[in-house]
């Protein structure tokens, strides 16, 4: 059995795990974590990535934009997916900051996995109420 190497980082309400994995696997996990955003946390946008990032919102509210699609007032139970090399922006509501989990993954099978999910829900948003 292959042992995973990882680094844990704790930083102001966030907990990250960075895994040391071969990026030529069919499906691989790069990072995962949990964050309870501070009310004044700046928006995140267009940080170039060559892998997928999936967020699951535990609590709070915020907005997400991917390419030309906007999703407003996302909340508990919603997911949003950022595909590789895409233009995006997201920001939590300062009066009700997000708490979320995320995973970053990639590989040949990652694209197929996301395409299968989008055949069920054809947007970057998967509402928890639709599951």
Protein backbone atom coordinates (compact mmCIF):
# COMPACT_ATOMS: atom_id res chain seq x y z
CA UNK A 1 0.00 0.00 0.00
CA UNK A 2 1.35 3.41 -1.00
CA UNK A 3 1.65 5.91 1.85
CA UNK A 4 0.49 9.50 1.26
CA UNK A 5 2.72 12.34 2.34
CA UNK A 6 0.92 15.47 3.43
CA UNK A 7 1.36 18.82 5.14
CA UNK A 8 -1.22 20.26 7.54
CA UNK A 9 -1.60 24.03 7.80
CA UNK A 10 -3.79 25.90 10.27
CA UNK A 11 -4.39 29.58 9.57
CA UNK A 12 -7.06 31.94 10.99
CA UNK A 13 -10.10 29.67 10.88
CA UNK A 14 -8.80 27.50 8.04
CA UNK A 15 -7.37 24.00 8.02
CA UNK A 16 -5.63 22.75 4.86
CA UNK A 17 -4.16 19.39 3.90
CA UNK A 18 -1.68 19.40 1.02
CA UNK A 19 -0.99 15.94 -0.36
CA UNK A 20 2.15 14.89 -2.18
CA UNK A 21 0.69 12.83 -5.04
CA UNK A 22 1.69 11.87 -8.52
CA UNK A 23 -0.32 14.02 -10.92
CA UNK A 24 -0.37 11.34 -13.59
CA UNK A 25 -2.84 9.13 -11.71
CA UNK A 26 -6.28 8.54 -13.19
CA UNK A 27 -7.85 10.42 -10.28
CA UNK A 28 -5.88 12.17 -7.56
CA UNK A 29 -6.56 14.40 -4.59
CA UNK A 30 -4.32 17.47 -4.22
CA UNK A 31 -5.70 19.33 -1.23
CA UNK A 32 -8.70 19.38 1.01
CA UNK A 33 -9.70 21.56 3.89
CA UNK A 34 -12.18 23.41 6.00
CA UNK A 35 -12.55 27.16 6.45
CA UNK A 36 -14.74 29.39 8.55
CA UNK A 37 -14.27 32.69 6.68
CA UNK A 38 -13.70 35.91 8.54
CA UNK A 39 -16.23 38.66 7.71
CA UNK A 40 -13.58 40.83 6.03
CA UNK A 41 -11.97 38.06 3.96
CA UNK A 42 -11.29 39.36 0.43
CA UNK A 43 -12.94 37.80 -2.61
CA UNK A 44 -11.13 34.96 -4.37
CA UNK A 45 -10.77 35.11 -8.11
CA UNK A 46 -8.87 33.78 -11.10
CA UNK A 47 -6.07 31.99 -9.30
CA UNK A 48 -4.87 29.84 -12.24
CA UNK A 49 -5.32 26.15 -11.53
CA UNK A 50 -4.99 23.10 -13.73
CA UNK A 51 -7.30 20.97 -11.60
CA UNK A 52 -10.87 20.97 -10.25
CA UNK A 53 -11.96 22.59 -6.97
CA UNK A 54 -15.26 21.60 -5.35
CA UNK A 55 -16.68 23.63 -2.44
CA UNK A 56 -19.46 22.49 -0.08
CA UNK A 57 -21.08 25.26 1.97
CA UNK A 58 -21.81 24.30 5.57
CA UNK A 59 -23.22 27.66 6.66
CA UNK A 60 -23.36 31.33 5.74
CA UNK A 61 -24.12 32.94 2.38
CA UNK A 62 -22.23 34.30 -0.58
CA UNK A 63 -22.00 34.74 -4.36
CA UNK A 64 -20.14 32.79 -7.04
CA UNK A 65 -19.44 33.60 -10.68
CA UNK A 66 -17.95 31.19 -13.23
CA UNK A 67 -17.22 32.53 -16.71
CA UNK A 68 -20.55 34.20 -17.62
CA UNK A 69 -22.78 32.42 -15.08
CA UNK A 70 -23.63 34.10 -11.76
CA UNK A 71 -25.03 32.34 -8.69
CA UNK A 72 -26.22 34.62 -5.91
CA UNK A 73 -26.95 33.93 -2.27
CA UNK A 74 -25.51 30.41 -2.09
CA UNK A 75 -25.95 28.85 1.32
CA UNK A 76 -25.83 25.75 3.47
CA UNK A 77 -26.08 22.55 1.45
CA UNK A 78 -24.94 24.08 -1.87
CA UNK A 79 -21.87 22.96 -3.81
CA UNK A 80 -19.95 24.89 -6.45
CA UNK A 81 -17.34 23.55 -8.86
CA UNK A 82 -14.42 25.44 -10.41
CA UNK A 83 -13.07 23.60 -13.49
CA UNK A 84 -9.42 23.86 -14.57
CA UNK A 85 -8.25 27.05 -16.28
CA UNK A 86 -11.55 28.88 -15.80
CA UNK A 87 -12.40 32.46 -14.92
CA UNK A 88 -14.14 32.64 -11.54
CA UNK A 89 -14.91 34.84 -8.54
CA UNK A 90 -16.48 34.11 -5.16
CA UNK A 91 -17.16 36.15 -2.04
CA UNK A 92 -18.98 35.43 1.20
CA UNK A 93 -21.55 37.79 2.68
CA UNK A 94 -19.77 39.83 5.38
CA UNK A 95 -22.83 39.68 7.67
CA UNK A 96 -23.11 35.87 7.29
CA UNK A 97 -19.64 34.59 6.31
CA UNK A 98 -19.28 31.16 4.77
CA UNK A 99 -18.07 28.07 6.45
CA UNK A 100 -17.13 25.51 3.81
CA UNK A 101 -15.22 22.37 2.97
CA UNK A 102 -13.29 21.99 -0.27
CA UNK A 103 -11.34 19.45 -2.26
CA UNK A 104 -8.98 19.99 -5.17
CA UNK A 105 -8.56 17.03 -7.50
CA UNK A 106 -7.44 16.15 -10.99
CA UNK A 107 -6.49 13.36 -13.36
CA UNK A 108 -7.89 11.78 -16.49
CA UNK A 109 -10.97 10.46 -14.69
CA UNK A 110 -11.67 13.83 -13.00
CA UNK A 111 -13.03 15.33 -16.21
CA UNK A 112 -15.27 12.31 -16.81
CA UNK A 113 -16.52 12.42 -13.21
CA UNK A 114 -17.44 16.11 -13.52
CA UNK A 115 -19.07 15.61 -16.93
CA UNK A 116 -21.24 12.85 -15.44
CA UNK A 117 -22.24 15.16 -12.57
CA UNK A 118 -23.06 17.94 -15.04
CA UNK A 119 -25.29 15.61 -17.05
CA UNK A 120 -27.45 15.53 -13.91
CA UNK A 121 -27.03 19.25 -13.09
CA UNK A 122 -25.69 21.15 -16.14
CA UNK A 123 -24.27 24.13 -14.25
CA UNK A 124 -21.35 24.76 -11.92
CA UNK A 125 -23.81 24.87 -9.04
CA UNK A 126 -25.24 21.80 -7.39
CA UNK A 127 -27.95 22.80 -4.95
CA UNK A 128 -28.21 20.76 -1.78
CA UNK A 129 -32.00 20.98 -2.06
CA UNK A 130 -31.89 19.18 -5.43
CA UNK A 131 -30.07 16.11 -4.06
